[in-house]
Amino acid sequence: MGENIKYARLRRDLSSEQVAERAGIYRNTLIKVEKGDEGVAIGYYFRILAVLGLDKDILLVAKDDELGRKLQDAKLVVKERASKK
């Protein structure tokens, strides 16, 4: 993901300083994101993606969760009532 963010920044001809300033983060944090550092908080990713105009893409994450829906539906099995005697 970090590499994709870096390429998106470069395609927009933006320096790391420009993106960091617009995102309100330190340049070192942006560099960590672009290197895929796992210790960077997800909020920084959102800020950077917003600067790059890619923040709407985040809404697609887990949008069509087919497996999750099947698992949820499996839990909705209707229990039959006991017959009256």
C-alpha atoms as a PDB file:
ATOM      1  CA  MET A   1       0.000   0.000   0.000  1.00  0.00           C
ATOM      2  CA  GLY A   2       2.827   2.373   0.830  1.00  0.00           C
ATOM      3  CA  GLU A   3       4.386   1.946  -2.581  1.00  0.00           C
ATOM      4  CA  ASN A   4       1.037   2.695  -4.243  1.00  0.00           C
ATOM      5  CA  ILE A   5       0.739   5.883  -2.193  1.00  0.00           C
ATOM      6  CA  LYS A   6       4.244   6.926  -3.209  1.00  0.00           C
ATOM      7  CA  TYR A   7       3.506   6.344  -6.897  1.00  0.00           C
ATOM      8  CA  ALA A   8       0.236   8.275  -6.590  1.00  0.00           C
ATOM      9  CA  ARG A   9       2.165  11.196  -5.090  1.00  0.00           C
ATOM     10  CA  LEU A  10       4.794  11.088  -7.823  1.00  0.00           C
ATOM     11  CA  ARG A  11       2.178  10.894 -10.603  1.00  0.00           C
ATOM     12  CA  ARG A  12       0.666  14.085  -9.182  1.00  0.00           C
ATOM     13  CA  ASP A  13       4.119  15.693  -9.257  1.00  0.00           C
ATOM     14  CA  LEU A  14       3.960  16.457  -5.539  1.00  0.00           C
ATOM     15  CA  SER A  15       7.004  16.458  -3.286  1.00  0.00           C
ATOM     16  CA  SER A  16       6.990  14.607   0.000  1.00  0.00           C
ATOM     17  CA  GLU A  17       7.231  17.998   1.725  1.00  0.00           C
ATOM     18  CA  GLN A  18       4.099  19.261  -0.044  1.00  0.00           C
ATOM     19  CA  VAL A  19       2.016  16.208   0.808  1.00  0.00           C
ATOM     20  CA  ALA A  20       3.201  16.130   4.408  1.00  0.00           C
ATOM     21  CA  GLU A  21       2.411  19.820   4.882  1.00  0.00           C
ATOM     22  CA  ARG A  22      -1.048  19.518   3.325  1.00  0.00           C
ATOM     23  CA  ALA A  23      -1.798  16.411   5.401  1.00  0.00           C
ATOM     24  CA  GLY A  24      -0.610  18.096   8.583  1.00  0.00           C
ATOM     25  CA  ILE A  25       1.993  15.436   9.314  1.00  0.00           C
ATOM     26  CA  TYR A  26       5.762  15.248   9.520  1.00  0.00           C
ATOM     27  CA  ARG A  27       7.655  14.361   6.348  1.00  0.00           C
ATOM     28  CA  ASN A  28       9.247  11.431   8.215  1.00  0.00           C
ATOM     29  CA  THR A  29       5.767  10.020   8.836  1.00  0.00           C
ATOM     30  CA  LEU A  30       4.948  10.215   5.126  1.00  0.00           C
ATOM     31  CA  ILE A  31       8.194   8.446   4.295  1.00  0.00           C
ATOM     32  CA  LYS A  32       7.331   5.703   6.801  1.00  0.00           C
ATOM     33  CA  VAL A  33       3.906   5.307   5.157  1.00  0.00           C
ATOM     34  CA  GLU A  34       5.477   5.078   1.705  1.00  0.00           C
ATOM     35  CA  LYS A  35       7.919   2.434   2.979  1.00  0.00           C
ATOM     36  CA  GLY A  36       5.083   0.375   4.458  1.00  0.00           C
ATOM     37  CA  ASP A  37       6.065   0.854   8.108  1.00  0.00           C
ATOM     38  CA  GLU A  38       3.473  -1.068  10.142  1.00  0.00           C
ATOM     39  CA  GLY A  39       3.840   1.253  13.122  1.00  0.00           C
ATOM     40  CA  VAL A  40       2.090   4.193  11.437  1.00  0.00           C
ATOM     41  CA  ALA A  41      -1.454   4.884  12.647  1.00  0.00           C
ATOM     42  CA  ILE A  42      -4.227   4.380  10.084  1.00  0.00           C
ATOM     43  CA  GLY A  43      -5.351   7.982  10.529  1.00  0.00           C
ATOM     44  CA  TYR A  44      -2.210   9.181   8.785  1.00  0.00           C
ATOM     45  CA  TYR A  45      -3.072   7.052   5.781  1.00  0.00           C
ATOM     46  CA  PHE A  46      -6.486   8.737   5.595  1.00  0.00           C
ATOM     47  CA  ARG A  47      -4.922  12.190   5.729  1.00  0.00           C
ATOM     48  CA  ILE A  48      -2.449  11.375   2.975  1.00  0.00           C
ATOM     49  CA  LEU A  49      -5.085   9.759   0.771  1.00  0.00           C
ATOM     50  CA  ALA A  50      -7.288  12.842   1.177  1.00  0.00           C
ATOM     51  CA  VAL A  51      -4.453  15.082  -0.014  1.00  0.00           C
ATOM     52  CA  LEU A  52      -3.985  12.820  -3.037  1.00  0.00           C
ATOM     53  CA  GLY A  53      -7.719  12.765  -3.770  1.00  0.00           C
ATOM     54  CA  LEU A  54      -7.948   9.048  -3.063  1.00  0.00           C
ATOM     55  CA  ASP A  55      -9.897   9.149   0.192  1.00  0.00           C
ATOM     56  CA  LYS A  56     -13.132   7.965  -1.438  1.00  0.00           C
ATOM     57  CA  ASP A  57     -11.388   4.704  -2.345  1.00  0.00           C
ATOM     58  CA  ILE A  58     -11.271   3.831   1.370  1.00  0.00           C
ATOM     59  CA  LEU A  59     -15.046   3.458   1.322  1.00  0.00           C
ATOM     60  CA  LEU A  60     -14.623   0.472  -1.003  1.00  0.00           C
ATOM     61  CA  VAL A  61     -12.759  -1.543   1.629  1.00  0.00           C
ATOM     62  CA  ALA A  62     -14.965  -4.472   2.652  1.00  0.00           C
ATOM     63  CA  LYS A  63     -17.919  -2.945   0.787  1.00  0.00           C
ATOM     64  CA  ASP A  64     -18.974  -6.189  -0.860  1.00  0.00           C
ATOM     65  CA  ASP A  65     -18.111  -8.638   1.892  1.00  0.00           C
ATOM     66  CA  GLU A  66     -19.613 -11.775   0.368  1.00  0.00           C
ATOM     67  CA  LEU A  67     -18.019 -14.166   2.867  1.00  0.00           C
ATOM     68  CA  GLY A  68     -19.069 -12.016   5.818  1.00  0.00           C
ATOM     69  CA  ARG A  69     -22.660 -11.913   4.580  1.00  0.00           C
ATOM     70  CA  LYS A  70     -22.761 -15.696   4.178  1.00  0.00           C
ATOM     71  CA  LEU A  71     -21.419 -16.174   7.701  1.00  0.00           C
ATOM     72  CA  GLN A  72     -23.979 -13.715   9.053  1.00  0.00           C
ATOM     73  CA  ASP A  73     -26.818 -15.436   7.191  1.00  0.00           C
ATOM     74  CA  ALA A  74     -25.733 -18.820   8.552  1.00  0.00           C
ATOM     75  CA  LYS A  75     -26.305 -17.501  12.077  1.00  0.00           C
ATOM     76  CA  LEU A  76     -29.857 -16.519  11.188  1.00  0.00           C
ATOM     77  CA  VAL A  77     -31.101 -20.090  10.987  1.00  0.00           C
ATOM     78  CA  VAL A  78     -34.683 -20.152  12.221  1.00  0.00           C
ATOM     79  CA  LYS A  79     -35.264 -22.515  15.122  1.00  0.00           C
ATOM     80  CA  GLU A  80     -38.406 -24.623  14.864  1.00  0.00           C
ATOM     81  CA  ARG A  81     -40.922 -24.449  17.679  1.00  0.00           C
ATOM     82  CA  ALA A  82     -41.602 -27.533  19.706  1.00  0.00           C
ATOM     83  CA  SER A  83     -44.824 -29.232  18.672  1.00  0.00           C
ATOM     84  CA  LYS A  84     -47.874 -28.859  20.939  1.00  0.00           C
ATOM     85  CA  LYS A  85     -49.143 -32.005  22.599  1.00  0.00           C
END
